[in-house]
Amino acid sequence: MITKSSPTTRVVVVREVPIELCAFIKFGGLAESGGQAKQLIAERGVRLNGAIETRKRKQLAVGDRVTVGLYTIVVSLV
């Protein structure tokens, strides 16, 4: 069971980088659709490496950490 005091971090493996932020959020399971991912970004609900990120098409690199709420996903390459 995940509680508010226990954030979850996991590595998400992609085939190539860079990958766009909105696509990575969807691919990593933090949003059910691309539209929902874009909405999260527009509402300032996404942190990239600890800072609020508002650019939907921001290009991510290996090691970048994306956080939505209590969940963090980290970009990794195959």
PDB file of N, CA and C in Angstrom:
ATOM      1  N   MET A   1       0.840  -1.187   0.000  1.00  0.00           N
ATOM      2  CA  MET A   1       0.000   0.000   0.000  1.00  0.00           C
ATOM      3  C   MET A   1       0.878   1.242   0.000  1.00  0.00           C
ATOM      4  N   ILE A   2       0.537   2.186  -0.848  1.00  0.00           N
ATOM      5  CA  ILE A   2       1.299   3.429  -0.936  1.00  0.00           C
ATOM      6  C   ILE A   2       0.568   4.494  -0.139  1.00  0.00           C
ATOM      7  N   THR A   3       1.301   5.160   0.724  1.00  0.00           N
ATOM      8  CA  THR A   3       0.724   6.238   1.514  1.00  0.00           C
ATOM      9  C   THR A   3       1.336   7.552   1.081  1.00  0.00           C
ATOM     10  N   LYS A   4       0.795   8.650   1.576  1.00  0.00           N
ATOM     11  CA  LYS A   4       1.314   9.964   1.214  1.00  0.00           C
ATOM     12  C   LYS A   4       2.760  10.148   1.642  1.00  0.00           C
ATOM     13  N   SER A   5       3.207   9.423   2.632  1.00  0.00           N
ATOM     14  CA  SER A   5       4.580   9.592   3.104  1.00  0.00           C
ATOM     15  C   SER A   5       5.565   8.649   2.422  1.00  0.00           C
ATOM     16  N   SER A   6       5.091   7.829   1.473  1.00  0.00           N
ATOM     17  CA  SER A   6       6.003   6.896   0.822  1.00  0.00           C
ATOM     18  C   SER A   6       6.001   7.090  -0.693  1.00  0.00           C
ATOM     19  N   PRO A   7       6.841   7.998  -1.181  1.00  0.00           N
ATOM     20  CA  PRO A   7       6.901   8.213  -2.627  1.00  0.00           C
ATOM     21  C   PRO A   7       7.443   6.978  -3.338  1.00  0.00           C
ATOM     22  N   THR A   8       7.055   6.814  -4.581  1.00  0.00           N
ATOM     23  CA  THR A   8       7.470   5.668  -5.368  1.00  0.00           C
ATOM     24  C   THR A   8       8.316   6.133  -6.543  1.00  0.00           C
ATOM     25  N   THR A   9       9.478   5.500  -6.716  1.00  0.00           N
ATOM     26  CA  THR A   9      10.357   5.798  -7.841  1.00  0.00           C
ATOM     27  C   THR A   9      10.611   4.508  -8.606  1.00  0.00           C
ATOM     28  N   ARG A  10      10.538   4.593  -9.940  1.00  0.00           N
ATOM     29  CA  ARG A  10      10.871   3.429 -10.746  1.00  0.00           C
ATOM     30  C   ARG A  10      11.521   3.878 -12.038  1.00  0.00           C
ATOM     31  N   VAL A  11      12.306   2.987 -12.593  1.00  0.00           N
ATOM     32  CA  VAL A  11      13.015   3.238 -13.841  1.00  0.00           C
ATOM     33  C   VAL A  11      12.120   2.807 -14.994  1.00  0.00           C
ATOM     34  N   VAL A  12      12.038   3.638 -16.025  1.00  0.00           N
ATOM     35  CA  VAL A  12      11.277   3.317 -17.228  1.00  0.00           C
ATOM     36  C   VAL A  12      12.266   3.271 -18.388  1.00  0.00           C
ATOM     37  N   VAL A  13      12.336   2.120 -19.032  1.00  0.00           N
ATOM     38  CA  VAL A  13      13.286   1.913 -20.124  1.00  0.00           C
ATOM     39  C   VAL A  13      12.651   2.327 -21.449  1.00  0.00           C
ATOM     40  N   VAL A  14      13.364   3.169 -22.210  1.00  0.00           N
ATOM     41  CA  VAL A  14      12.910   3.605 -23.527  1.00  0.00           C
ATOM     42  C   VAL A  14      13.901   3.127 -24.582  1.00  0.00           C
ATOM     43  N   ARG A  15      13.474   3.098 -25.817  1.00  0.00           N
ATOM     44  CA  ARG A  15      14.332   2.607 -26.902  1.00  0.00           C
ATOM     45  C   ARG A  15      15.335   3.634 -27.378  1.00  0.00           C
ATOM     46  N   GLU A  16      14.949   4.918 -27.295  1.00  0.00           N
ATOM     47  CA  GLU A  16      15.866   5.956 -27.745  1.00  0.00           C
ATOM     48  C   GLU A  16      15.596   7.252 -27.007  1.00  0.00           C
ATOM     49  N   VAL A  17      16.607   8.053 -26.919  1.00  0.00           N
ATOM     50  CA  VAL A  17      16.494   9.394 -26.357  1.00  0.00           C
ATOM     51  C   VAL A  17      17.009  10.352 -27.412  1.00  0.00           C
ATOM     52  N   PRO A  18      16.551  11.581 -27.452  1.00  0.00           N
ATOM     53  CA  PRO A  18      15.621  12.156 -26.480  1.00  0.00           C
ATOM     54  C   PRO A  18      14.186  11.659 -26.693  1.00  0.00           C
ATOM     55  N   ILE A  19      13.394  11.804 -25.642  1.00  0.00           N
ATOM     56  CA  ILE A  19      11.970  11.500 -25.686  1.00  0.00           C
ATOM     57  C   ILE A  19      11.251  12.711 -25.105  1.00  0.00           C
ATOM     58  N   GLU A  20      10.113  13.065 -25.692  1.00  0.00           N
ATOM     59  CA  GLU A  20       9.362  14.228 -25.225  1.00  0.00           C
ATOM     60  C   GLU A  20       8.718  13.939 -23.868  1.00  0.00           C
ATOM     61  N   LEU A  21       8.664  14.974 -23.051  1.00  0.00           N
ATOM     62  CA  LEU A  21       8.116  14.853 -21.700  1.00  0.00           C
ATOM     63  C   LEU A  21       6.706  14.283 -21.706  1.00  0.00           C
ATOM     64  N   CYS A  22       5.816  14.828 -22.539  1.00  0.00           N
ATOM     65  CA  CYS A  22       4.420  14.343 -22.515  1.00  0.00           C
ATOM     66  C   CYS A  22       4.343  12.875 -22.921  1.00  0.00           C
ATOM     67  N   ALA A  23       5.156  12.456 -23.881  1.00  0.00           N
ATOM     68  CA  ALA A  23       5.159  11.053 -24.301  1.00  0.00           C
ATOM     69  C   ALA A  23       5.699  10.156 -23.192  1.00  0.00           C
ATOM     70  N   PHE A  24       6.727  10.614 -22.484  1.00  0.00           N
ATOM     71  CA  PHE A  24       7.316   9.813 -21.416  1.00  0.00           C
ATOM     72  C   PHE A  24       6.351   9.652 -20.246  1.00  0.00           C
ATOM     73  N   ILE A  25       5.607  10.690 -19.935  1.00  0.00           N
ATOM     74  CA  ILE A  25       4.621  10.608 -18.849  1.00  0.00           C
ATOM     75  C   ILE A  25       3.564   9.557 -19.182  1.00  0.00           C
ATOM     76  N   LYS A  26       3.092   9.564 -20.428  1.00  0.00           N
ATOM     77  CA  LYS A  26       2.105   8.572 -20.849  1.00  0.00           C
ATOM     78  C   LYS A  26       2.732   7.175 -20.863  1.00  0.00           C
ATOM     79  N   PHE A  27       3.885   7.034 -21.499  1.00  0.00           N
ATOM     80  CA  PHE A  27       4.561   5.742 -21.611  1.00  0.00           C
ATOM     81  C   PHE A  27       4.899   5.172 -20.234  1.00  0.00           C
ATOM     82  N   GLY A  28       5.266   6.049 -19.301  1.00  0.00           N
ATOM     83  CA  GLY A  28       5.643   5.619 -17.969  1.00  0.00           C
ATOM     84  C   GLY A  28       4.467   5.338 -17.048  1.00  0.00           C
ATOM     85  N   GLY A  29       3.242   5.557 -17.537  1.00  0.00           N
ATOM     86  CA  GLY A  29       2.056   5.216 -16.764  1.00  0.00           C
ATOM     87  C   GLY A  29       1.604   6.258 -15.755  1.00  0.00           C
ATOM     88  N   LEU A  30       2.129   7.472 -15.859  1.00  0.00           N
ATOM     89  CA  LEU A  30       1.692   8.520 -14.937  1.00  0.00           C
ATOM     90  C   LEU A  30       0.448   9.239 -15.440  1.00  0.00           C
ATOM     91  N   ALA A  31       0.077   8.983 -16.701  1.00  0.00           N
ATOM     92  CA  ALA A  31      -1.146   9.528 -17.291  1.00  0.00           C
ATOM     93  C   ALA A  31      -1.741   8.446 -18.189  1.00  0.00           C
ATOM     94  N   GLU A  32      -3.064   8.449 -18.302  1.00  0.00           N
ATOM     95  CA  GLU A  32      -3.734   7.441 -19.119  1.00  0.00           C
ATOM     96  C   GLU A  32      -3.701   7.765 -20.601  1.00  0.00           C
ATOM     97  N   SER A  33      -3.479   9.048 -20.925  1.00  0.00           N
ATOM     98  CA  SER A  33      -3.476   9.453 -22.327  1.00  0.00           C
ATOM     99  C   SER A  33      -2.497  10.606 -22.522  1.00  0.00           C
ATOM    100  N   GLY A  34      -2.206  10.878 -23.791  1.00  0.00           N
ATOM    101  CA  GLY A  34      -1.349  12.023 -24.090  1.00  0.00           C
ATOM    102  C   GLY A  34      -2.010  13.327 -23.693  1.00  0.00           C
ATOM    103  N   GLY A  35      -3.320  13.394 -23.878  1.00  0.00           N
ATOM    104  CA  GLY A  35      -4.061  14.593 -23.485  1.00  0.00           C
ATOM    105  C   GLY A  35      -3.990  14.838 -21.985  1.00  0.00           C
ATOM    106  N   GLN A  36      -4.104  13.771 -21.212  1.00  0.00           N
ATOM    107  CA  GLN A  36      -4.008  13.911 -19.760  1.00  0.00           C
ATOM    108  C   GLN A  36      -2.597  14.337 -19.363  1.00  0.00           C
ATOM    109  N   ALA A  37      -1.589  13.799 -20.034  1.00  0.00           N
ATOM    110  CA  ALA A  37      -0.204  14.191 -19.750  1.00  0.00           C
ATOM    111  C   ALA A  37      -0.008  15.675 -20.016  1.00  0.00           C
ATOM    112  N   LYS A  38      -0.521  16.148 -21.150  1.00  0.00           N
ATOM    113  CA  LYS A  38      -0.397  17.571 -21.502  1.00  0.00           C
ATOM    114  C   LYS A  38      -1.110  18.450 -20.482  1.00  0.00           C
ATOM    115  N   GLN A  39      -2.261  17.986 -19.999  1.00  0.00           N
ATOM    116  CA  GLN A  39      -3.015  18.747 -19.005  1.00  0.00           C
ATOM    117  C   GLN A  39      -2.241  18.836 -17.691  1.00  0.00           C
ATOM    118  N   LEU A  40      -1.642  17.738 -17.263  1.00  0.00           N
ATOM    119  CA  LEU A  40      -0.833  17.745 -16.041  1.00  0.00           C
ATOM    120  C   LEU A  40       0.303  18.761 -16.152  1.00  0.00           C
ATOM    121  N   ILE A  41       0.940  18.789 -17.322  1.00  0.00           N
ATOM    122  CA  ILE A  41       2.048  19.726 -17.533  1.00  0.00           C
ATOM    123  C   ILE A  41       1.535  21.164 -17.510  1.00  0.00           C
ATOM    124  N   ALA A  42       0.430  21.430 -18.223  1.00  0.00           N
ATOM    125  CA  ALA A  42      -0.138  22.779 -18.286  1.00  0.00           C
ATOM    126  C   ALA A  42      -0.568  23.280 -16.911  1.00  0.00           C
ATOM    127  N   GLU A  43      -1.021  22.373 -16.054  1.00  0.00           N
ATOM    128  CA  GLU A  43      -1.480  22.753 -14.708  1.00  0.00           C
ATOM    129  C   GLU A  43      -0.338  22.803 -13.697  1.00  0.00           C
ATOM    130  N   ARG A  44       0.897  22.725 -14.184  1.00  0.00           N
ATOM    131  CA  ARG A  44       2.099  22.815 -13.349  1.00  0.00           C
ATOM    132  C   ARG A  44       2.172  21.671 -12.334  1.00  0.00           C
ATOM    133  N   GLY A  45       1.691  20.489 -12.760  1.00  0.00           N
ATOM    134  CA  GLY A  45       1.681  19.328 -11.882  1.00  0.00           C
ATOM    135  C   GLY A  45       2.830  18.367 -12.128  1.00  0.00           C
ATOM    136  N   VAL A  46       3.799  18.790 -12.945  1.00  0.00           N
ATOM    137  CA  VAL A  46       4.907  17.908 -13.302  1.00  0.00           C
ATOM    138  C   VAL A  46       6.231  18.562 -12.908  1.00  0.00           C
ATOM    139  N   ARG A  47       7.073  17.770 -12.264  1.00  0.00           N
ATOM    140  CA  ARG A  47       8.432  18.236 -11.931  1.00  0.00           C
ATOM    141  C   ARG A  47       9.435  17.425 -12.735  1.00  0.00           C
ATOM    142  N   LEU A  48      10.407  18.131 -13.283  1.00  0.00           N
ATOM    143  CA  LEU A  48      11.500  17.504 -14.006  1.00  0.00           C
ATOM    144  C   LEU A  48      12.774  17.797 -13.228  1.00  0.00           C
ATOM    145  N   ASN A  49      13.382  16.756 -12.705  1.00  0.00           N
ATOM    146  CA  ASN A  49      14.595  16.889 -11.887  1.00  0.00           C
ATOM    147  C   ASN A  49      14.399  17.892 -10.749  1.00  0.00           C
ATOM    148  N   GLY A  50      13.194  17.873 -10.165  1.00  0.00           N
ATOM    149  CA  GLY A  50      12.903  18.692  -8.992  1.00  0.00           C
ATOM    150  C   GLY A  50      12.298  20.051  -9.277  1.00  0.00           C
ATOM    151  N   ALA A  51      12.286  20.502 -10.522  1.00  0.00           N
ATOM    152  CA  ALA A  51      11.740  21.820 -10.869  1.00  0.00           C
ATOM    153  C   ALA A  51      10.462  21.657 -11.689  1.00  0.00           C
ATOM    154  N   ILE A  52       9.501  22.547 -11.479  1.00  0.00           N
ATOM    155  CA  ILE A  52       8.261  22.504 -12.249  1.00  0.00           C
ATOM    156  C   ILE A  52       8.595  22.712 -13.717  1.00  0.00           C
ATOM    157  N   GLU A  53       8.030  21.851 -14.558  1.00  0.00           N
ATOM    158  CA  GLU A  53       8.270  21.928 -16.005  1.00  0.00           C
ATOM    159  C   GLU A  53       6.950  22.153 -16.719  1.00  0.00           C
ATOM    160  N   THR A  54       6.887  23.162 -17.590  1.00  0.00           N
ATOM    161  CA  THR A  54       5.653  23.496 -18.306  1.00  0.00           C
ATOM    162  C   THR A  54       5.777  23.311 -19.821  1.00  0.00           C
ATOM    163  N   ARG A  55       6.894  22.810 -20.291  1.00  0.00           N
ATOM    164  CA  ARG A  55       7.083  22.592 -21.730  1.00  0.00           C
ATOM    165  C   ARG A  55       6.734  21.140 -22.073  1.00  0.00           C
ATOM    166  N   LYS A  56       5.614  20.955 -22.791  1.00  0.00           N
ATOM    167  CA  LYS A  56       5.139  19.609 -23.141  1.00  0.00           C
ATOM    168  C   LYS A  56       6.156  18.838 -23.975  1.00  0.00           C
ATOM    169  N   ARG A  57       6.838  19.534 -24.842  1.00  0.00           N
ATOM    170  CA  ARG A  57       7.757  18.883 -25.769  1.00  0.00           C
ATOM    171  C   ARG A  57       9.206  18.915 -25.299  1.00  0.00           C
ATOM    172  N   LYS A  58       9.415  19.209 -24.038  1.00  0.00           N
ATOM    173  CA  LYS A  58      10.766  19.206 -23.462  1.00  0.00           C
ATOM    174  C   LYS A  58      11.410  17.847 -23.738  1.00  0.00           C
ATOM    175  N   GLN A  59      12.614  17.870 -24.275  1.00  0.00           N
ATOM    176  CA  GLN A  59      13.329  16.646 -24.619  1.00  0.00           C
ATOM    177  C   GLN A  59      14.053  16.104 -23.390  1.00  0.00           C
ATOM    178  N   LEU A  60      13.803  14.850 -23.057  1.00  0.00           N
ATOM    179  CA  LEU A  60      14.409  14.224 -21.891  1.00  0.00           C
ATOM    180  C   LEU A  60      15.620  13.396 -22.286  1.00  0.00           C
ATOM    181  N   ALA A  61      16.547  13.258 -21.353  1.00  0.00           N
ATOM    182  CA  ALA A  61      17.755  12.465 -21.553  1.00  0.00           C
ATOM    183  C   ALA A  61      17.816  11.375 -20.486  1.00  0.00           C
ATOM    184  N   VAL A  62      18.716  10.432 -20.678  1.00  0.00           N
ATOM    185  CA  VAL A  62      18.913   9.355 -19.702  1.00  0.00           C
ATOM    186  C   VAL A  62      19.218   9.965 -18.333  1.00  0.00           C
ATOM    187  N   GLY A  63      18.545   9.450 -17.311  1.00  0.00           N
ATOM    188  CA  GLY A  63      18.759   9.915 -15.948  1.00  0.00           C
ATOM    189  C   GLY A  63      17.796  10.990 -15.491  1.00  0.00           C
ATOM    190  N   ASP A  64      17.053  11.614 -16.427  1.00  0.00           N
ATOM    191  CA  ASP A  64      16.072  12.629 -16.030  1.00  0.00           C
ATOM    192  C   ASP A  64      14.998  11.988 -15.165  1.00  0.00           C
ATOM    193  N   ARG A  65      14.563  12.726 -14.137  1.00  0.00           N
ATOM    194  CA  ARG A  65      13.555  12.255 -13.189  1.00  0.00           C
ATOM    195  C   ARG A  65      12.297  13.092 -13.349  1.00  0.00           C
ATOM    196  N   VAL A  66      11.173  12.426 -13.628  1.00  0.00           N
ATOM    197  CA  VAL A  66       9.886  13.089 -13.820  1.00  0.00           C
ATOM    198  C   VAL A  66       8.973  12.689 -12.667  1.00  0.00           C
ATOM    199  N   THR A  67       8.434  13.686 -11.984  1.00  0.00           N
ATOM    200  CA  THR A  67       7.585  13.433 -10.825  1.00  0.00           C
ATOM    201  C   THR A  67       6.195  14.024 -11.047  1.00  0.00           C
ATOM    202  N   VAL A  68       5.183  13.205 -10.782  1.00  0.00           N
ATOM    203  CA  VAL A  68       3.783  13.623 -10.785  1.00  0.00           C
ATOM    204  C   VAL A  68       3.209  13.114  -9.477  1.00  0.00           C
ATOM    205  N   GLY A  69       2.800  14.037  -8.628  1.00  0.00           N
ATOM    206  CA  GLY A  69       2.296  13.643  -7.307  1.00  0.00           C
ATOM    207  C   GLY A  69       3.366  12.923  -6.522  1.00  0.00           C
ATOM    208  N   LEU A  70       3.067  11.720  -6.070  1.00  0.00           N
ATOM    209  CA  LEU A  70       4.024  10.938  -5.268  1.00  0.00           C
ATOM    210  C   LEU A  70       4.865   9.987  -6.112  1.00  0.00           C
ATOM    211  N   TYR A  71       4.655   9.992  -7.416  1.00  0.00           N
ATOM    212  CA  TYR A  71       5.326   9.026  -8.279  1.00  0.00           C
ATOM    213  C   TYR A  71       6.417   9.667  -9.112  1.00  0.00           C
ATOM    214  N   THR A  72       7.559   9.034  -9.136  1.00  0.00           N
ATOM    215  CA  THR A  72       8.700   9.496  -9.931  1.00  0.00           C
ATOM    216  C   THR A  72       9.129   8.386 -10.868  1.00  0.00           C
ATOM    217  N   ILE A  73       9.347   8.750 -12.135  1.00  0.00           N
ATOM    218  CA  ILE A  73       9.883   7.814 -13.104  1.00  0.00           C
ATOM    219  C   ILE A  73      11.195   8.385 -13.640  1.00  0.00           C
ATOM    220  N   VAL A  74      12.130   7.500 -13.907  1.00  0.00           N
ATOM    221  CA  VAL A  74      13.471   7.889 -14.333  1.00  0.00           C
ATOM    222  C   VAL A  74      13.722   7.323 -15.722  1.00  0.00           C
ATOM    223  N   VAL A  75      14.243   8.169 -16.617  1.00  0.00           N
ATOM    224  CA  VAL A  75      14.536   7.741 -17.990  1.00  0.00           C
ATOM    225  C   VAL A  75      15.755   6.838 -18.000  1.00  0.00           C
ATOM    226  N   SER A  76      15.622   5.678 -18.632  1.00  0.00           N
ATOM    227  CA  SER A  76      16.729   4.764 -18.815  1.00  0.00           C
ATOM    228  C   SER A  76      16.688   4.259 -20.256  1.00  0.00           C
ATOM    229  N   LEU A  77      17.834   3.899 -20.787  1.00  0.00           N
ATOM    230  CA  LEU A  77      17.936   3.436 -22.169  1.00  0.00           C
ATOM    231  C   LEU A  77      18.158   1.930 -22.191  1.00  0.00           C
ATOM    232  N   VAL A  78      17.581   1.271 -23.205  1.00  0.00           N
ATOM    233  CA  VAL A  78      17.719  -0.187 -23.358  1.00  0.00           C
ATOM    234  C   VAL A  78      19.183  -0.578 -23.312  1.00  0.00           C
TER     235      VAL A  78
END
